[in-house]
Protein backbone atom coordinates (compact mmCIF):
# COMPACT_ATOMS: atom_id res chain seq x y z
CA UNK A 1 -0.04 0.09 -0.09
CA UNK A 2 2.89 2.33 0.72
CA UNK A 3 4.59 1.85 -2.78
CA UNK A 4 1.23 2.31 -4.11
CA UNK A 5 0.59 5.70 -2.03
CA UNK A 6 3.94 6.61 -3.94
CA UNK A 7 3.02 6.38 -7.19
CA UNK A 8 -0.40 7.61 -7.48
CA UNK A 9 1.34 11.23 -5.97
CA UNK A 10 4.05 11.14 -8.30
CA UNK A 11 1.07 10.76 -11.13
CA UNK A 12 -1.04 13.52 -9.11
CA UNK A 13 2.32 15.80 -8.82
CA UNK A 14 2.50 15.89 -12.86
CA UNK A 15 -0.52 16.99 -13.34
CA UNK A 16 -1.02 19.73 -10.98
CA UNK A 17 -1.38 23.22 -13.06
CA UNK A 18 0.14 26.50 -11.14
CA UNK A 19 -2.22 27.18 -7.83
CA UNK A 20 -3.51 29.78 -5.81
CA UNK A 21 -3.64 28.41 -1.99
CA UNK A 22 -5.59 30.88 0.16
CA UNK A 23 -4.95 30.81 3.67
CA UNK A 24 -1.35 28.34 3.01
CA UNK A 25 -0.13 31.61 0.74
CA UNK A 26 1.84 32.01 3.72
CA UNK A 27 3.79 29.17 3.27
CA UNK A 28 7.13 29.62 2.38
CA UNK A 29 8.92 27.58 -0.41
CA UNK A 30 12.60 26.30 0.69
CA UNK A 31 13.32 24.40 -2.61
CA UNK A 32 12.67 25.11 -6.60
CA UNK A 33 13.88 22.60 -8.50
CA UNK A 34 10.64 20.72 -8.94
CA UNK A 35 11.91 17.21 -8.44
CA UNK A 36 9.69 14.75 -7.28
CA UNK A 37 9.87 14.40 -3.64
CA UNK A 38 8.62 12.69 -0.33
CA UNK A 39 8.97 10.89 3.08
CA UNK A 40 10.21 14.20 4.45
CA UNK A 41 11.96 14.16 7.49
CA UNK A 42 13.38 17.59 9.78
CA UNK A 43 16.27 16.37 11.96
CA UNK A 44 16.27 16.14 16.02
CA UNK A 45 18.82 19.73 15.90
CA UNK A 46 16.28 21.15 13.97
CA UNK A 47 19.28 22.07 11.01
CA UNK A 48 18.84 19.83 8.24
CA UNK A 49 15.92 17.74 5.94
CA UNK A 50 16.11 14.42 5.08
CA UNK A 51 14.19 13.42 1.77
CA UNK A 52 13.10 11.03 -0.75
CA UNK A 53 14.22 12.56 -4.28
CA UNK A 54 14.13 11.55 -7.93
CA UNK A 55 16.92 13.13 -9.92
CA UNK A 56 17.96 12.05 -13.43
CA UNK A 57 15.50 9.45 -13.08
CA UNK A 58 17.01 7.59 -10.07
CA UNK A 59 15.41 7.48 -6.69
CA UNK A 60 17.57 7.95 -3.55
CA UNK A 61 18.12 9.76 -0.32
CA UNK A 62 18.75 13.49 -0.15
CA UNK A 63 19.71 15.94 2.67
CA UNK A 64 19.38 19.62 2.99
CA UNK A 65 19.93 22.60 5.10
CA UNK A 66 16.64 23.73 6.67
CA UNK A 67 16.64 26.67 4.38
CA UNK A 68 16.75 24.66 1.56
CA UNK A 69 20.13 25.46 0.91
CA UNK A 70 22.88 22.76 0.04
CA UNK A 71 20.70 20.17 -1.44
CA UNK A 72 22.98 16.74 -1.70
CA UNK A 73 22.47 13.43 -2.00
CA UNK A 74 23.19 11.23 1.15
CA UNK A 75 24.37 8.04 -0.73
CA UNK A 76 25.65 7.63 -3.85
CA UNK A 77 22.31 7.26 -6.45
CA UNK A 78 22.45 3.27 -8.52
CA UNK A 79 19.81 1.93 -10.11
CA UNK A 80 20.52 -1.30 -9.42
CA UNK A 81 19.37 -0.03 -5.24
CA UNK A 82 17.21 2.67 -5.27
CA UNK A 83 17.43 3.43 -1.45
CA UNK A 84 14.12 5.74 -0.22
CA UNK A 85 11.90 6.59 3.42
CA UNK A 86 14.65 7.58 5.50
CA UNK A 87 14.16 8.43 9.51
CA UNK A 88 16.85 10.48 11.74
CA UNK A 89 17.79 8.38 15.20
CA UNK A 90 17.08 10.57 18.07
CA UNK A 91 19.87 11.84 18.86
CA UNK A 92 20.27 12.57 14.72
CA UNK A 93 23.73 10.37 14.42
CA UNK A 94 22.09 7.72 12.02
CA UNK A 95 19.49 7.40 9.62
CA UNK A 96 17.44 4.25 8.95
CA UNK A 97 15.96 3.68 5.51
CA UNK A 98 14.65 1.20 2.66
CA UNK A 99 17.12 -0.27 0.54
CA UNK A 100 15.42 -1.91 -2.70
CA UNK A 101 17.39 -4.65 -3.87
CA UNK A 102 15.96 -4.72 -7.85
CA UNK A 103 15.70 -8.36 -9.47
CA UNK A 104 14.66 -7.94 -12.73
CA UNK A 105 11.29 -6.08 -12.49
CA UNK A 106 10.48 -7.17 -9.29
CA UNK A 107 11.87 -5.12 -5.25
CA UNK A 108 13.44 -6.78 -2.96
CA UNK A 109 13.08 -4.56 0.47
CA UNK A 110 15.29 -4.52 3.04
CA UNK A 111 15.94 -1.93 5.88
CA UNK A 112 19.20 -0.55 6.59
CA UNK A 113 21.01 2.33 8.69
CA UNK A 114 23.75 4.72 7.72
CA UNK A 115 25.74 7.14 9.15
CA UNK A 116 24.67 10.54 8.48
CA UNK A 117 27.45 11.44 6.54
CA UNK A 118 26.49 8.76 4.40
CA UNK A 119 28.98 6.41 5.59
CA UNK A 120 29.20 2.56 7.66
CA UNK A 121 25.68 1.22 6.07
CA UNK A 122 24.09 -1.42 7.65
CA UNK A 123 21.29 -4.38 6.81
CA UNK A 124 18.97 -4.29 10.14
CA UNK A 125 16.36 -6.35 8.71
CA UNK A 126 17.29 -8.17 5.66
CA UNK A 127 14.79 -8.81 2.88
CA UNK A 128 12.46 -11.90 3.78
CA UNK A 129 9.12 -10.13 2.46
CA UNK A 130 8.41 -6.14 1.39
CA UNK A 131 10.26 -4.57 4.50
CA UNK A 132 9.14 -0.75 4.47
CA UNK A 133 8.36 2.46 6.09
CA UNK A 134 10.88 1.96 9.09
CA UNK A 135 10.48 4.72 12.08
CA UNK A 136 13.45 5.14 15.40
CA UNK A 137 12.37 4.52 18.85
CA UNK A 138 12.69 7.85 20.84
CA UNK A 139 15.08 6.05 22.76
CA UNK A 140 16.86 4.91 20.10
CA UNK A 141 16.94 1.57 21.11
CA UNK A 142 14.27 -0.24 18.71
CA UNK A 143 13.29 0.06 15.44
CA UNK A 144 9.59 -0.22 13.96
CA UNK A 145 8.63 -1.46 10.48
CA UNK A 146 6.45 -2.29 8.27
CA UNK A 147 6.48 -6.02 6.74
CA UNK A 148 4.55 -8.38 4.46
CA UNK A 149 6.76 -10.95 6.04
CA UNK A 150 3.24 -13.26 7.16
CA UNK A 151 1.31 -12.71 4.87
CA UNK A 152 -0.07 -8.91 4.77
CA UNK A 153 1.33 -5.37 5.63
CA UNK A 154 1.62 -5.49 9.72
CA UNK A 155 3.28 -3.52 11.83
CA UNK A 156 6.92 -4.90 13.81
CA UNK A 157 9.88 -4.09 16.11
CA UNK A 158 12.91 -5.12 16.67
CA UNK A 159 16.68 -4.27 18.60
CA UNK A 160 18.89 -2.04 16.42
CA UNK A 161 20.48 -6.19 15.34
CA UNK A 162 17.17 -7.41 13.78
CA UNK A 163 17.63 -10.23 15.95
CA UNK A 164 14.40 -9.40 18.77
CA UNK A 165 11.53 -9.14 15.85
CA UNK A 166 7.64 -8.34 17.39
CA UNK A 167 4.54 -8.44 15.74
CA UNK A 168 2.41 -5.46 17.10
CA UNK A 169 -0.59 -5.65 14.38
CA UNK A 170 -2.15 -8.83 13.09
CA UNK A 171 -5.18 -7.95 11.06
CA UNK A 172 -6.39 -8.50 7.41
CA UNK A 173 -6.18 -4.97 6.44
CA UNK A 174 -2.90 -3.09 5.63
CA UNK A 175 -1.65 -1.44 8.49
CA UNK A 176 1.52 1.27 7.86
CA UNK A 177 3.47 4.68 8.51
CA UNK A 178 3.89 3.82 12.05
CA UNK A 179 5.09 6.70 14.28
CA UNK A 180 6.25 6.72 17.74
CA UNK A 181 4.85 9.22 20.44
CA UNK A 182 8.08 11.73 21.70
CA UNK A 183 7.55 9.59 25.15
CA UNK A 184 7.43 6.00 23.24
CA UNK A 185 4.35 5.03 25.11
CA UNK A 186 2.12 4.80 21.73
CA UNK A 187 2.41 4.26 18.03
CA UNK A 188 0.52 6.54 15.76
CA UNK A 189 -0.08 4.80 12.24
CA UNK A 190 -2.45 4.11 9.11
CA UNK A 191 -5.07 1.42 8.33
CA UNK A 192 -7.53 0.07 6.34
CA UNK A 193 -8.98 -1.79 8.72
CA UNK A 194 -12.09 0.37 8.29
CA UNK A 195 -12.68 -0.01 5.02
CA UNK A 196 -10.27 3.03 3.90
CA UNK A 197 -6.88 4.10 4.80
CA UNK A 198 -7.48 5.71 9.10
CA UNK A 199 -4.84 7.15 11.49
CA UNK A 200 -5.29 4.57 14.93
CA UNK A 201 -3.35 4.80 17.44
CA UNK A 202 -2.08 2.26 19.62
CA UNK A 203 0.04 1.18 22.75
CA UNK A 204 3.86 0.44 22.14
CA UNK A 205 3.16 -3.39 22.37
CA UNK A 206 0.79 -3.06 20.07
CA UNK A 207 -2.61 -2.85 22.85
CA UNK A 208 -5.11 -0.87 23.04
CA UNK A 209 -5.86 0.47 19.31
CA UNK A 210 -8.32 2.77 18.47
CA UNK A 211 -9.21 4.47 15.46
CA UNK A 212 -8.63 8.36 15.46
CA UNK A 213 -9.82 9.68 12.04
CA UNK A 214 -13.48 8.83 10.45
CA UNK A 215 -14.71 9.63 7.10
CA UNK A 216 -14.97 7.48 3.73
CA UNK A 217 -11.63 9.19 2.10
CA UNK A 218 -7.74 8.24 2.68
CA UNK A 219 -5.90 9.63 5.89
CA UNK A 220 -2.07 8.71 5.78
CA UNK A 221 1.60 9.90 6.80
CA UNK A 222 0.92 10.48 10.99
CA UNK A 223 3.49 12.42 12.29
CA UNK A 224 3.56 13.92 16.63
CA UNK A 225 4.13 17.28 17.83
CA UNK A 226 7.30 17.39 19.77
CA UNK A 227 5.24 17.62 22.84
CA UNK A 228 2.70 14.14 21.67
CA UNK A 229 -0.35 16.30 22.26
CA UNK A 230 -1.15 16.87 18.71
CA UNK A 231 -1.03 14.61 15.11
CA UNK A 232 -0.46 15.78 11.99
CA UNK A 233 -1.39 13.79 8.92
CA UNK A 234 -2.30 13.79 5.23
CA UNK A 235 -5.76 13.74 4.04
CA UNK A 236 -8.09 13.80 0.47
CA UNK A 237 -11.03 14.17 2.60
CA UNK A 238 -12.05 17.72 1.04
CA UNK A 239 -10.95 16.12 -2.78
CA UNK A 240 -7.49 16.61 -2.42
CA UNK A 241 -4.38 15.95 -0.27
CA UNK A 242 -3.80 18.31 2.88
CA UNK A 243 -2.14 18.68 5.77
CA UNK A 244 -4.39 18.14 8.68
CA UNK A 245 -3.83 18.71 12.26
CA UNK A 246 -5.94 16.95 15.52
CA UNK A 247 -5.33 16.68 19.19
CA UNK A 248 -3.68 12.86 19.53
CA UNK A 249 -7.54 11.80 20.56
CA UNK A 250 -8.67 12.95 17.17
CA UNK A 251 -10.62 16.34 18.32
CA UNK A 252 -10.14 19.52 17.16
CA UNK A 253 -9.37 18.31 13.61
CA UNK A 254 -8.02 21.55 10.67
CA UNK A 255 -6.98 21.80 7.49
CA UNK A 256 -3.89 23.89 7.64
CA UNK A 257 -2.91 23.84 3.82
CA UNK A 258 -6.51 24.58 2.18
CA UNK A 259 -4.51 24.62 -1.48
CA UNK A 260 -6.36 23.00 -5.00
CA UNK A 261 -2.61 21.57 -4.98
CA UNK A 262 -1.45 18.19 -3.39
CA UNK A 263 0.04 18.62 -0.19
CA UNK A 264 1.75 15.39 1.76
CA UNK A 265 4.25 14.38 3.68
CA UNK A 266 4.07 16.61 6.80
CA UNK A 267 7.41 17.14 9.14
CA UNK A 268 7.26 19.16 12.45
CA UNK A 269 10.23 21.06 14.05
CA UNK A 270 12.04 19.62 16.84
CA UNK A 271 10.47 23.05 18.40
CA UNK A 272 7.22 22.34 17.34
CA UNK A 273 6.89 26.05 16.23
CA UNK A 274 6.27 24.98 12.29
CA UNK A 275 5.42 22.45 10.01
CA UNK A 276 7.55 21.60 6.48
CA UNK A 277 5.92 19.68 4.03
CA UNK A 278 5.94 18.87 0.10
CA UNK A 279 3.71 20.16 -2.06
CA UNK A 280 3.19 20.91 -5.66
CA UNK A 281 1.70 24.63 -5.65
CA UNK A 282 3.75 25.63 -7.64
CA UNK A 283 4.00 23.26 -11.05
CA UNK A 284 6.87 20.87 -9.46
CA UNK A 285 7.23 19.28 -6.26
CA UNK A 286 9.22 21.22 -3.81
CA UNK A 287 9.64 21.63 0.07
CA UNK A 288 7.59 24.35 1.82
CA UNK A 289 7.24 25.79 5.43
CA UNK A 290 4.44 27.04 7.38
CA UNK A 291 3.22 27.60 10.97
CA UNK A 292 2.28 25.09 13.09
CA UNK A 293 -0.97 26.73 13.91
């Protein structure tokens, strides 16, 4: 499901015309290259962004300064092994990501980690099925990720050696986009168990699952505010993909972007004052910054 969403958003990004965005016109554009981007992540020190970017036909991890300067690849682009969907460790020293070991036209996804400067790459979760959407726990000791190893998209956790694997969800519907709360006690994720992808929250051990968004559209990519009180996410409930924010229990829902373009992949600043996101509102795919109202 995660890969399906990525390709769907690539098509949408290529089709949207120049847009005027009402309230969200206050958003500041940080990049102007227009290359396809997704999976935006803000470094713990607030100084850099990490993202997936397609450049000259190659998908890979890229980093840049928080002001949009010094955009560069984290790892050497390789058509045989695309890499994407990175997440910073809590201390900002390591990055976990998906490595795609292409076998012909089929992908063989695994979870790797690398230093923040691109050195010392290691495999944590070897390819067994589709291994994707890795996220670091706030204490830096475990990883959550999504796997189809038991026949369905479910959420698992492991230690940093990939040895102590625990399955957290076990539902016939797909579960994806896990994200630990800042205190490490809960995990937000999107799930199709209600018939459509919606945001759910569960305890960090997989218990006490509760659905926090309710409508007939698609909600995904939940990210906690640094204080753990709110969740930002992407939804198409108003006809196109926008950035929304709500209390952690689903109350006080608000549309932050209100733009006819496609707005996705919110990333909360470490101080909680800003939200960065990716949009095609100016005709390409670029990173924008707005107040976290």
